[in-house]
PDB file of N, CA and C in Angstrom:
ATOM      1  N   MET A   1      91.062 196.910 188.919  1.00  0.00           N
ATOM      2  CA  MET A   1      91.489 196.734 187.514  1.00  0.00           C
ATOM      3  C   MET A   1      92.786 197.526 187.325  1.00  0.00           C
ATOM      4  N   ALA A   2      93.790 196.941 186.760  1.00  0.00           N
ATOM      5  CA  ALA A   2      95.056 197.604 186.525  1.00  0.00           C
ATOM      6  C   ALA A   2      94.982 198.579 185.361  1.00  0.00           C
ATOM      7  N   ARG A   3      95.730 199.636 185.501  1.00  0.00           N
ATOM      8  CA  ARG A   3      95.764 200.638 184.432  1.00  0.00           C
ATOM      9  C   ARG A   3      96.861 200.295 183.511  1.00  0.00           C
ATOM     10  N   GLY A   4      96.720 200.724 182.226  1.00  0.00           N
ATOM     11  CA  GLY A   4      97.734 200.422 181.257  1.00  0.00           C
ATOM     12  C   GLY A   4      99.005 201.250 181.403  1.00  0.00           C
ATOM     13  N   TRP A   5     100.046 200.859 180.774  1.00  0.00           N
ATOM     14  CA  TRP A   5     101.310 201.553 180.795  1.00  0.00           C
ATOM     15  C   TRP A   5     101.196 203.033 180.295  1.00  0.00           C
ATOM     16  N   GLU A   6     100.450 203.254 179.253  1.00  0.00           N
ATOM     17  CA  GLU A   6     100.326 204.603 178.651  1.00  0.00           C
ATOM     18  C   GLU A   6      99.657 205.529 179.653  1.00  0.00           C
ATOM     19  N   SER A   7      98.614 205.084 180.295  1.00  0.00           N
ATOM     20  CA  SER A   7      97.849 205.955 181.231  1.00  0.00           C
ATOM     21  C   SER A   7      98.768 206.358 182.376  1.00  0.00           C
ATOM     22  N   LYS A   8      99.571 205.446 182.848  1.00  0.00           N
ATOM     23  CA  LYS A   8     100.474 205.734 183.946  1.00  0.00           C
ATOM     24  C   LYS A   8     101.510 206.760 183.500  1.00  0.00           C
ATOM     25  N   SER A   9     102.005 206.657 182.279  1.00  0.00           N
ATOM     26  CA  SER A   9     102.991 207.608 181.742  1.00  0.00           C
ATOM     27  C   SER A   9     102.360 209.027 181.634  1.00  0.00           C
ATOM     28  N   VAL A  10     101.159 209.049 181.115  1.00  0.00           N
ATOM     29  CA  VAL A  10     100.434 210.347 180.977  1.00  0.00           C
ATOM     30  C   VAL A  10     100.217 211.035 182.386  1.00  0.00           C
ATOM     31  N   GLU A  11      99.825 210.168 183.257  1.00  0.00           N
ATOM     32  CA  GLU A  11      99.528 210.669 184.664  1.00  0.00           C
ATOM     33  C   GLU A  11     100.808 211.254 185.256  1.00  0.00           C
ATOM     34  N   SER A  12     101.973 210.515 185.068  1.00  0.00           N
ATOM     35  CA  SER A  12     103.162 211.002 185.690  1.00  0.00           C
ATOM     36  C   SER A  12     103.614 212.270 184.986  1.00  0.00           C
ATOM     37  N   GLN A  13     103.467 212.377 183.701  1.00  0.00           N
ATOM     38  CA  GLN A  13     103.832 213.573 182.997  1.00  0.00           C
ATOM     39  C   GLN A  13     103.021 214.765 183.479  1.00  0.00           C
ATOM     40  N   GLN A  14     101.704 214.564 183.752  1.00  0.00           N
ATOM     41  CA  GLN A  14     100.839 215.637 184.206  1.00  0.00           C
ATOM     42  C   GLN A  14     101.235 216.029 185.538  1.00  0.00           C
ATOM     43  N   THR A  15     101.533 215.148 186.464  1.00  0.00           N
ATOM     44  CA  THR A  15     101.961 215.468 187.790  1.00  0.00           C
ATOM     45  C   THR A  15     103.256 216.188 187.783  1.00  0.00           C
ATOM     46  N   GLU A  16     104.163 215.790 186.936  1.00  0.00           N
ATOM     47  CA  GLU A  16     105.508 216.498 186.823  1.00  0.00           C
ATOM     48  C   GLU A  16     105.261 217.962 186.339  1.00  0.00           C
ATOM     49  N   ASP A  17     104.415 218.193 185.386  1.00  0.00           N
ATOM     50  CA  ASP A  17     104.111 219.533 184.914  1.00  0.00           C
ATOM     51  C   ASP A  17     103.546 220.372 186.056  1.00  0.00           C
ATOM     52  N   VAL A  18     102.606 219.802 186.776  1.00  0.00           N
ATOM     53  CA  VAL A  18     101.979 220.584 187.916  1.00  0.00           C
ATOM     54  C   VAL A  18     103.041 220.835 188.987  1.00  0.00           C
ATOM     55  N   GLY A  19     103.836 219.782 189.352  1.00  0.00           N
ATOM     56  CA  GLY A  19     104.794 219.922 190.401  1.00  0.00           C
ATOM     57  C   GLY A  19     105.925 220.850 190.101  1.00  0.00           C
ATOM     58  N   SER A  20     106.296 220.918 188.857  1.00  0.00           N
ATOM     59  CA  SER A  20     107.479 221.734 188.515  1.00  0.00           C
ATOM     60  C   SER A  20     107.070 223.170 188.219  1.00  0.00           C
ATOM     61  N   GLY A  21     105.738 223.501 188.202  1.00  0.00           N
ATOM     62  CA  GLY A  21     105.351 224.844 188.018  1.00  0.00           C
ATOM     63  C   GLY A  21     105.431 225.355 186.611  1.00  0.00           C
ATOM     64  N   LYS A  22     105.604 224.363 185.626  1.00  0.00           N
ATOM     65  CA  LYS A  22     105.671 224.783 184.234  1.00  0.00           C
ATOM     66  C   LYS A  22     104.314 225.304 183.755  1.00  0.00           C
ATOM     67  N   LYS A  23     104.350 226.271 182.948  1.00  0.00           N
ATOM     68  CA  LYS A  23     103.051 226.817 182.350  1.00  0.00           C
ATOM     69  C   LYS A  23     103.027 226.265 180.947  1.00  0.00           C
ATOM     70  N   LYS A  24     101.877 225.916 180.515  1.00  0.00           N
ATOM     71  CA  LYS A  24     101.589 225.423 179.205  1.00  0.00           C
ATOM     72  C   LYS A  24     101.822 226.554 178.172  1.00  0.00           C
ATOM     73  N   ALA A  25     102.332 226.136 177.055  1.00  0.00           N
ATOM     74  CA  ALA A  25     102.500 227.147 175.904  1.00  0.00           C
ATOM     75  C   ALA A  25     101.132 227.718 175.508  1.00  0.00           C
ATOM     76  N   PRO A  26     101.030 228.957 175.211  1.00  0.00           N
ATOM     77  CA  PRO A  26      99.798 229.549 174.820  1.00  0.00           C
ATOM     78  C   PRO A  26      99.315 228.881 173.536  1.00  0.00           C
ATOM     79  N   ALA A  27      98.035 228.904 173.329  1.00  0.00           N
ATOM     80  CA  ALA A  27      97.440 228.271 172.163  1.00  0.00           C
ATOM     81  C   ALA A  27      98.029 228.821 170.811  1.00  0.00           C
ATOM     82  N   GLU A  28      98.359 230.049 170.814  1.00  0.00           N
ATOM     83  CA  GLU A  28      98.867 230.683 169.618  1.00  0.00           C
ATOM     84  C   GLU A  28     100.279 230.035 169.260  1.00  0.00           C
ATOM     85  N   GLU A  29     101.064 229.916 170.253  1.00  0.00           N
ATOM     86  CA  GLU A  29     102.366 229.315 170.032  1.00  0.00           C
ATOM     87  C   GLU A  29     102.297 227.901 169.586  1.00  0.00           C
ATOM     88  N   VAL A  30     101.407 227.137 170.164  1.00  0.00           N
ATOM     89  CA  VAL A  30     101.215 225.787 169.691  1.00  0.00           C
ATOM     90  C   VAL A  30     100.675 225.728 168.285  1.00  0.00           C
ATOM     91  N   GLU A  31      99.785 226.575 167.949  1.00  0.00           N
ATOM     92  CA  GLU A  31      99.242 226.621 166.555  1.00  0.00           C
ATOM     93  C   GLU A  31     100.329 227.004 165.631  1.00  0.00           C
ATOM     94  N   ARG A  32     101.161 228.006 165.966  1.00  0.00           N
ATOM     95  CA  ARG A  32     102.246 228.448 165.072  1.00  0.00           C
ATOM     96  C   ARG A  32     103.200 227.313 164.884  1.00  0.00           C
ATOM     97  N   ALA A  33     103.592 226.607 165.953  1.00  0.00           N
ATOM     98  CA  ALA A  33     104.563 225.553 165.805  1.00  0.00           C
ATOM     99  C   ALA A  33     103.965 224.436 164.868  1.00  0.00           C
ATOM    100  N   ALA A  34     102.748 224.107 164.977  1.00  0.00           N
ATOM    101  CA  ALA A  34     102.085 223.110 164.171  1.00  0.00           C
ATOM    102  C   ALA A  34     102.043 223.536 162.766  1.00  0.00           C
ATOM    103  N   LYS A  35     101.714 224.849 162.488  1.00  0.00           N
ATOM    104  CA  LYS A  35     101.648 225.362 161.177  1.00  0.00           C
ATOM    105  C   LYS A  35     103.091 225.259 160.516  1.00  0.00           C
ATOM    106  N   ARG A  36     104.074 225.661 161.276  1.00  0.00           N
ATOM    107  CA  ARG A  36     105.402 225.658 160.847  1.00  0.00           C
ATOM    108  C   ARG A  36     105.915 224.279 160.419  1.00  0.00           C
ATOM    109  N   ALA A  37     105.587 223.273 161.331  1.00  0.00           N
ATOM    110  CA  ALA A  37     105.941 221.886 161.006  1.00  0.00           C
ATOM    111  C   ALA A  37     105.256 221.384 159.745  1.00  0.00           C
ATOM    112  N   SER A  38     103.976 221.745 159.575  1.00  0.00           N
ATOM    113  CA  SER A  38     103.228 221.334 158.437  1.00  0.00           C
ATOM    114  C   SER A  38     103.791 221.954 157.169  1.00  0.00           C
ATOM    115  N   LEU A  39     104.178 223.245 157.220  1.00  0.00           N
ATOM    116  CA  LEU A  39     104.752 223.907 156.059  1.00  0.00           C
ATOM    117  C   LEU A  39     106.166 223.337 155.678  1.00  0.00           C
ATOM    118  N   GLU A  40     106.924 223.041 156.743  1.00  0.00           N
ATOM    119  CA  GLU A  40     108.228 222.431 156.478  1.00  0.00           C
ATOM    120  C   GLU A  40     108.152 221.041 155.844  1.00  0.00           C
ATOM    121  N   LEU A  41     107.156 220.192 156.295  1.00  0.00           N
ATOM    122  CA  LEU A  41     106.978 218.961 155.727  1.00  0.00           C
ATOM    123  C   LEU A  41     106.523 219.077 154.227  1.00  0.00           C
ATOM    124  N   SER A  42     105.567 219.960 153.983  1.00  0.00           N
ATOM    125  CA  SER A  42     105.175 220.223 152.566  1.00  0.00           C
ATOM    126  C   SER A  42     106.283 220.744 151.715  1.00  0.00           C
ATOM    127  N   ARG A  43     107.130 221.581 152.242  1.00  0.00           N
ATOM    128  CA  ARG A  43     108.276 222.144 151.545  1.00  0.00           C
ATOM    129  C   ARG A  43     109.207 221.000 151.170  1.00  0.00           C
ATOM    130  N   GLY A  44     109.472 220.098 152.108  1.00  0.00           N
ATOM    131  CA  GLY A  44     110.349 218.951 151.821  1.00  0.00           C
ATOM    132  C   GLY A  44     109.788 218.077 150.666  1.00  0.00           C
ATOM    133  N   ARG A  45     108.516 217.808 150.759  1.00  0.00           N
ATOM    134  CA  ARG A  45     107.840 216.966 149.725  1.00  0.00           C
ATOM    135  C   ARG A  45     107.963 217.626 148.321  1.00  0.00           C
ATOM    136  N   VAL A  46     107.636 218.948 148.337  1.00  0.00           N
ATOM    137  CA  VAL A  46     107.783 219.633 147.018  1.00  0.00           C
ATOM    138  C   VAL A  46     109.187 219.646 146.456  1.00  0.00           C
ATOM    139  N   MET A  47     110.192 219.863 147.349  1.00  0.00           N
ATOM    140  CA  MET A  47     111.502 219.829 146.896  1.00  0.00           C
ATOM    141  C   MET A  47     111.949 218.439 146.248  1.00  0.00           C
ATOM    142  N   ARG A  48     111.469 217.369 146.973  1.00  0.00           N
ATOM    143  CA  ARG A  48     111.792 216.042 146.471  1.00  0.00           C
ATOM    144  C   ARG A  48     111.154 215.821 145.124  1.00  0.00           C
ATOM    145  N   GLU A  49     109.844 216.247 144.994  1.00  0.00           N
ATOM    146  CA  GLU A  49     109.152 216.123 143.671  1.00  0.00           C
ATOM    147  C   GLU A  49     109.835 216.984 142.624  1.00  0.00           C
ATOM    148  N   LEU A  50     110.318 218.122 142.988  1.00  0.00           N
ATOM    149  CA  LEU A  50     111.031 219.011 142.034  1.00  0.00           C
ATOM    150  C   LEU A  50     112.191 218.434 141.499  1.00  0.00           C
ATOM    151  N   GLU A  51     112.918 217.655 142.283  1.00  0.00           N
ATOM    152  CA  GLU A  51     114.207 216.979 141.842  1.00  0.00           C
ATOM    153  C   GLU A  51     113.888 215.954 140.723  1.00  0.00           C
ATOM    154  N   THR A  52     112.697 215.339 140.762  1.00  0.00           N
ATOM    155  CA  THR A  52     112.425 214.235 139.848  1.00  0.00           C
ATOM    156  C   THR A  52     111.474 214.612 138.733  1.00  0.00           C
ATOM    157  N   ALA A  53     110.913 215.827 138.769  1.00  0.00           N
ATOM    158  CA  ALA A  53     109.922 216.243 137.813  1.00  0.00           C
ATOM    159  C   ALA A  53     110.551 216.410 136.396  1.00  0.00           C
ATOM    160  N   ARG A  54     109.883 215.930 135.468  1.00  0.00           N
ATOM    161  CA  ARG A  54     110.436 215.964 134.028  1.00  0.00           C
ATOM    162  C   ARG A  54     109.720 216.995 133.181  1.00  0.00           C
ATOM    163  N   SER A  55     108.425 217.143 133.400  1.00  0.00           N
ATOM    164  CA  SER A  55     107.565 218.043 132.647  1.00  0.00           C
ATOM    165  C   SER A  55     107.880 219.498 133.065  1.00  0.00           C
ATOM    166  N   GLU A  56     108.147 220.341 132.123  1.00  0.00           N
ATOM    167  CA  GLU A  56     108.344 221.757 132.505  1.00  0.00           C
ATOM    168  C   GLU A  56     107.134 222.413 133.128  1.00  0.00           C
ATOM    169  N   VAL A  57     105.930 222.005 132.769  1.00  0.00           N
ATOM    170  CA  VAL A  57     104.736 222.540 133.378  1.00  0.00           C
ATOM    171  C   VAL A  57     104.687 222.144 134.821  1.00  0.00           C
ATOM    172  N   HIS A  58     104.990 220.850 135.018  1.00  0.00           N
ATOM    173  CA  HIS A  58     105.013 220.310 136.388  1.00  0.00           C
ATOM    174  C   HIS A  58     106.041 221.036 137.279  1.00  0.00           C
ATOM    175  N   ARG A  59     107.216 221.213 136.694  1.00  0.00           N
ATOM    176  CA  ARG A  59     108.294 221.869 137.397  1.00  0.00           C
ATOM    177  C   ARG A  59     107.950 223.344 137.764  1.00  0.00           C
ATOM    178  N   THR A  60     107.328 223.981 136.872  1.00  0.00           N
ATOM    179  CA  THR A  60     106.797 225.351 137.097  1.00  0.00           C
ATOM    180  C   THR A  60     105.791 225.401 138.264  1.00  0.00           C
ATOM    181  N   ALA A  61     104.865 224.488 138.251  1.00  0.00           N
ATOM    182  CA  ALA A  61     103.859 224.415 139.261  1.00  0.00           C
ATOM    183  C   ALA A  61     104.524 224.125 140.645  1.00  0.00           C
ATOM    184  N   LEU A  62     105.440 223.209 140.636  1.00  0.00           N
ATOM    185  CA  LEU A  62     106.163 222.930 141.901  1.00  0.00           C
ATOM    186  C   LEU A  62     106.988 224.058 142.369  1.00  0.00           C
ATOM    187  N   GLN A  63     107.655 224.792 141.486  1.00  0.00           N
ATOM    188  CA  GLN A  63     108.474 226.000 141.873  1.00  0.00           C
ATOM    189  C   GLN A  63     107.512 227.042 142.464  1.00  0.00           C
ATOM    190  N   ASN A  64     106.331 227.206 141.902  1.00  0.00           N
ATOM    191  CA  ASN A  64     105.340 228.204 142.463  1.00  0.00           C
ATOM    192  C   ASN A  64     104.932 227.766 143.897  1.00  0.00           C
ATOM    193  N   ALA A  65     104.682 226.467 144.049  1.00  0.00           N
ATOM    194  CA  ALA A  65     104.361 225.955 145.371  1.00  0.00           C
ATOM    195  C   ALA A  65     105.496 226.153 146.314  1.00  0.00           C
ATOM    196  N   LEU A  66     106.734 225.906 145.945  1.00  0.00           N
ATOM    197  CA  LEU A  66     107.854 226.121 146.778  1.00  0.00           C
ATOM    198  C   LEU A  66     108.031 227.536 147.161  1.00  0.00           C
ATOM    199  N   ASP A  67     107.755 228.433 146.229  1.00  0.00           N
ATOM    200  CA  ASP A  67     107.920 229.919 146.538  1.00  0.00           C
ATOM    201  C   ASP A  67     106.821 230.299 147.502  1.00  0.00           C
ATOM    202  N   PHE A  68     105.637 229.818 147.377  1.00  0.00           N
ATOM    203  CA  PHE A  68     104.520 230.098 148.338  1.00  0.00           C
ATOM    204  C   PHE A  68     104.870 229.589 149.710  1.00  0.00           C
ATOM    205  N   LEU A  69     105.336 228.416 149.796  1.00  0.00           N
ATOM    206  CA  LEU A  69     105.682 227.748 151.092  1.00  0.00           C
ATOM    207  C   LEU A  69     106.795 228.566 151.791  1.00  0.00           C
ATOM    208  N   ASN A  70     107.762 228.999 151.027  1.00  0.00           N
ATOM    209  CA  ASN A  70     108.934 229.890 151.551  1.00  0.00           C
ATOM    210  C   ASN A  70     108.332 231.109 152.040  1.00  0.00           C
ATOM    211  N   GLU A  71     107.449 231.765 151.386  1.00  0.00           N
ATOM    212  CA  GLU A  71     106.817 232.997 151.844  1.00  0.00           C
ATOM    213  C   GLU A  71     106.105 232.796 153.148  1.00  0.00           C
ATOM    214  N   GLU A  72     105.327 231.740 153.217  1.00  0.00           N
ATOM    215  CA  GLU A  72     104.540 231.422 154.397  1.00  0.00           C
ATOM    216  C   GLU A  72     105.480 231.218 155.599  1.00  0.00           C
ATOM    217  N   LEU A  73     106.532 230.451 155.388  1.00  0.00           N
ATOM    218  CA  LEU A  73     107.563 230.247 156.430  1.00  0.00           C
ATOM    219  C   LEU A  73     108.223 231.501 156.919  1.00  0.00           C
ATOM    220  N   ALA A  74     108.439 232.388 156.007  1.00  0.00           N
ATOM    221  CA  ALA A  74     109.048 233.678 156.284  1.00  0.00           C
ATOM    222  C   ALA A  74     108.098 234.533 157.194  1.00  0.00           C
ATOM    223  N   LYS A  75     106.811 234.374 156.994  1.00  0.00           N
ATOM    224  CA  LYS A  75     105.838 235.104 157.756  1.00  0.00           C
ATOM    225  C   LYS A  75     105.847 234.683 159.248  1.00  0.00           C
ATOM    226  N   LEU A  76     106.126 233.431 159.480  1.00  0.00           N
ATOM    227  CA  LEU A  76     106.128 232.885 160.779  1.00  0.00           C
ATOM    228  C   LEU A  76     107.442 233.308 161.446  1.00  0.00           C
TER     229      LEU A  76
END
């Protein structure tokens, strides 16, 4: 039975990693990168919403969210 294109690609990537002697990134680094990406996406969404918000209460809530996201990004 023939293997699919994706499984061949995954297999070749795995053999390249083993053959080149690369070490995988520690779990903490992977987690940190994922958290940073998530925070940056959220920050972008909040900034877009802030540009179009009309209600002062909504703008205040969005600004508080933006401040929080900036603080979290600074911690990383």
